[in-house]
Amino acid sequence: MRVCPKCGHRDSPCWRSAWHKRFTDVTRQDDVKLFEPELFKRLQESPNFYSDGLYNYKISKHGYVIRILKEHAVNPNSCEEPHREIWRLKLEQDLNQRRLFEETKK
């Protein structure tokens, strides 16, 4: 369960991190119906895509509810996250810059 350090908001306990994706959370439709009935109603109206301003949601073809932070999505109207190689390249560039910075300090 996630807790905001600033305001203390507790996220619903039904959300779990997807094991194969970095920024995606997954849950079953039954759990959303139990813990977040308003969200469940909105997802029934538009199962392909729903956004509440902070998260993007969709119902997968296997019946799971998928959510991703809007800022981590490939584009603002999607539930797809960028390919992991893109994130790896950015991390490697940051590490190379840090190494170069450390070498110049010596």
C-alpha atoms as a PDB file:
ATOM      1  CA  MET A   1       0.000   0.000   0.000  1.00  0.00           C
ATOM      2  CA  ARG A   2       1.406   3.377  -0.971  1.00  0.00           C
ATOM      3  CA  VAL A   3       1.237   6.378   1.356  1.00  0.00           C
ATOM      4  CA  CYS A   4       1.892   9.958   0.228  1.00  0.00           C
ATOM      5  CA  PRO A   5       4.618  11.505   2.419  1.00  0.00           C
ATOM      6  CA  LYS A   6       3.183  15.005   1.979  1.00  0.00           C
ATOM      7  CA  CYS A   7      -0.545  14.608   2.554  1.00  0.00           C
ATOM      8  CA  GLY A   8      -0.777  11.114   4.071  1.00  0.00           C
ATOM      9  CA  HIS A   9      -3.180   9.783   1.410  1.00  0.00           C
ATOM     10  CA  ARG A  10      -3.288   5.976   1.449  1.00  0.00           C
ATOM     11  CA  ASP A  11      -3.667   4.191  -1.849  1.00  0.00           C
ATOM     12  CA  SER A  12      -6.212   1.397  -2.112  1.00  0.00           C
ATOM     13  CA  PRO A  13      -4.753  -1.960  -0.979  1.00  0.00           C
ATOM     14  CA  CYS A  14      -6.002  -3.762  -4.089  1.00  0.00           C
ATOM     15  CA  TRP A  15      -3.267  -2.417  -6.409  1.00  0.00           C
ATOM     16  CA  ARG A  16      -0.168  -4.546  -6.999  1.00  0.00           C
ATOM     17  CA  SER A  17       2.912  -3.756  -9.044  1.00  0.00           C
ATOM     18  CA  ALA A  18       3.048  -5.649 -12.316  1.00  0.00           C
ATOM     19  CA  TRP A  19       5.940  -8.101 -12.157  1.00  0.00           C
ATOM     20  CA  HIS A  20       6.985  -7.549 -15.772  1.00  0.00           C
ATOM     21  CA  LYS A  21       6.640  -3.766 -15.977  1.00  0.00           C
ATOM     22  CA  ARG A  22       8.288  -1.021 -14.007  1.00  0.00           C
ATOM     23  CA  PHE A  23       5.586   1.634 -13.609  1.00  0.00           C
ATOM     24  CA  THR A  24       2.347  -0.302 -14.076  1.00  0.00           C
ATOM     25  CA  ASP A  25      -0.070  -1.408 -11.334  1.00  0.00           C
ATOM     26  CA  VAL A  26      -2.575  -4.227 -11.808  1.00  0.00           C
ATOM     27  CA  THR A  27      -5.627  -5.540  -9.972  1.00  0.00           C
ATOM     28  CA  ARG A  28      -8.726  -7.622 -10.619  1.00  0.00           C
ATOM     29  CA  GLN A  29     -12.048  -6.056 -11.552  1.00  0.00           C
ATOM     30  CA  ASP A  30     -13.677  -7.568  -8.450  1.00  0.00           C
ATOM     31  CA  ASP A  31     -11.186  -5.765  -6.196  1.00  0.00           C
ATOM     32  CA  VAL A  32     -11.851  -2.431  -7.898  1.00  0.00           C
ATOM     33  CA  LYS A  33     -15.570  -3.013  -7.525  1.00  0.00           C
ATOM     34  CA  LEU A  34     -15.091  -3.628  -3.789  1.00  0.00           C
ATOM     35  CA  PHE A  35     -12.515  -0.933  -2.934  1.00  0.00           C
ATOM     36  CA  GLU A  36     -13.252   1.790  -5.518  1.00  0.00           C
ATOM     37  CA  PRO A  37     -16.863   1.501  -6.759  1.00  0.00           C
ATOM     38  CA  GLU A  38     -16.849   4.927  -8.456  1.00  0.00           C
ATOM     39  CA  LEU A  39     -13.796   4.000 -10.513  1.00  0.00           C
ATOM     40  CA  PHE A  40     -15.375   0.651 -11.384  1.00  0.00           C
ATOM     41  CA  LYS A  41     -18.476   2.429 -12.692  1.00  0.00           C
ATOM     42  CA  ARG A  42     -16.343   4.734 -14.877  1.00  0.00           C
ATOM     43  CA  LEU A  43     -14.360   1.794 -16.234  1.00  0.00           C
ATOM     44  CA  GLN A  44     -17.559  -0.014 -17.184  1.00  0.00           C
ATOM     45  CA  GLU A  45     -18.603   3.047 -19.197  1.00  0.00           C
ATOM     46  CA  SER A  46     -15.290   3.257 -21.078  1.00  0.00           C
ATOM     47  CA  PRO A  47     -13.220   0.051 -20.655  1.00  0.00           C
ATOM     48  CA  ASN A  48     -10.582   0.927 -23.265  1.00  0.00           C
ATOM     49  CA  PHE A  49      -9.322   4.047 -21.527  1.00  0.00           C
ATOM     50  CA  TYR A  50     -10.161   6.252 -18.553  1.00  0.00           C
ATOM     51  CA  SER A  51      -8.090   8.996 -16.942  1.00  0.00           C
ATOM     52  CA  ASP A  52      -8.728  10.705 -13.623  1.00  0.00           C
ATOM     53  CA  GLY A  53      -6.010  13.316 -14.128  1.00  0.00           C
ATOM     54  CA  LEU A  54      -3.302  11.485 -12.161  1.00  0.00           C
ATOM     55  CA  TYR A  55      -3.596   7.911 -13.450  1.00  0.00           C
ATOM     56  CA  ASN A  56      -4.590   6.308 -16.745  1.00  0.00           C
ATOM     57  CA  TYR A  57      -6.712   3.154 -16.498  1.00  0.00           C
ATOM     58  CA  LYS A  58      -7.875   0.429 -18.853  1.00  0.00           C
ATOM     59  CA  ILE A  59      -9.308  -3.067 -18.666  1.00  0.00           C
ATOM     60  CA  SER A  60      -7.014  -5.621 -20.293  1.00  0.00           C
ATOM     61  CA  LYS A  61      -8.182  -8.352 -22.623  1.00  0.00           C
ATOM     62  CA  HIS A  62      -7.759 -10.830 -19.738  1.00  0.00           C
ATOM     63  CA  GLY A  63     -10.060  -8.823 -17.475  1.00  0.00           C
ATOM     64  CA  TYR A  64      -7.498  -7.093 -15.250  1.00  0.00           C
ATOM     65  CA  VAL A  65      -7.554  -3.381 -14.505  1.00  0.00           C
ATOM     66  CA  ILE A  66      -4.277  -1.713 -15.438  1.00  0.00           C
ATOM     67  CA  ARG A  67      -3.167   1.685 -14.206  1.00  0.00           C
ATOM     68  CA  ILE A  68      -0.109   3.830 -14.830  1.00  0.00           C
ATOM     69  CA  LEU A  69       0.844   7.315 -13.716  1.00  0.00           C
ATOM     70  CA  LYS A  70       0.124   9.737 -16.522  1.00  0.00           C
ATOM     71  CA  GLU A  71       3.688  11.092 -16.394  1.00  0.00           C
ATOM     72  CA  HIS A  72       5.146   7.595 -16.926  1.00  0.00           C
ATOM     73  CA  ALA A  73       2.940   6.673 -19.875  1.00  0.00           C
ATOM     74  CA  VAL A  74       4.285   6.780 -23.430  1.00  0.00           C
ATOM     75  CA  ASN A  75       1.768   9.525 -24.178  1.00  0.00           C
ATOM     76  CA  PRO A  76      -0.909  11.175 -22.003  1.00  0.00           C
ATOM     77  CA  ASN A  77      -3.731   9.119 -23.535  1.00  0.00           C
ATOM     78  CA  SER A  78      -2.219   5.669 -23.131  1.00  0.00           C
ATOM     79  CA  CYS A  79      -1.605   2.978 -20.537  1.00  0.00           C
ATOM     80  CA  GLU A  80       1.603   1.809 -22.193  1.00  0.00           C
ATOM     81  CA  GLU A  81       4.962   2.475 -20.606  1.00  0.00           C
ATOM     82  CA  PRO A  82       8.160   3.181 -22.546  1.00  0.00           C
ATOM     83  CA  HIS A  83      10.363   0.268 -23.512  1.00  0.00           C
ATOM     84  CA  ARG A  84      12.787  -0.609 -20.711  1.00  0.00           C
ATOM     85  CA  GLU A  85      15.809  -0.081 -22.980  1.00  0.00           C
ATOM     86  CA  ILE A  86      14.974   3.619 -23.174  1.00  0.00           C
ATOM     87  CA  TRP A  87      15.167   3.857 -19.368  1.00  0.00           C
ATOM     88  CA  ARG A  88      18.390   1.825 -19.299  1.00  0.00           C
ATOM     89  CA  LEU A  89      20.067   4.179 -21.789  1.00  0.00           C
ATOM     90  CA  LYS A  90      19.139   7.191 -19.673  1.00  0.00           C
ATOM     91  CA  LEU A  91      20.517   5.521 -16.539  1.00  0.00           C
ATOM     92  CA  GLU A  92      23.769   4.620 -18.308  1.00  0.00           C
ATOM     93  CA  GLN A  93      24.148   8.202 -19.547  1.00  0.00           C
ATOM     94  CA  ASP A  94      23.617   9.520 -16.017  1.00  0.00           C
ATOM     95  CA  LEU A  95      26.179   7.081 -14.608  1.00  0.00           C
ATOM     96  CA  ASN A  96      28.725   8.023 -17.294  1.00  0.00           C
ATOM     97  CA  GLN A  97      28.235  11.712 -16.546  1.00  0.00           C
ATOM     98  CA  ARG A  98      28.657  11.061 -12.815  1.00  0.00           C
ATOM     99  CA  ARG A  99      31.864   9.091 -13.481  1.00  0.00           C
ATOM    100  CA  LEU A 100      33.242  11.896 -15.661  1.00  0.00           C
ATOM    101  CA  PHE A 101      32.334  14.453 -13.017  1.00  0.00           C
ATOM    102  CA  GLU A 102      34.116  12.427 -10.325  1.00  0.00           C
ATOM    103  CA  GLU A 103      37.226  12.137 -12.537  1.00  0.00           C
ATOM    104  CA  THR A 104      37.352  15.897 -13.116  1.00  0.00           C
ATOM    105  CA  LYS A 105      37.092  16.598  -9.383  1.00  0.00           C
ATOM    106  CA  LYS A 106      40.334  14.692  -8.693  1.00  0.00           C
END
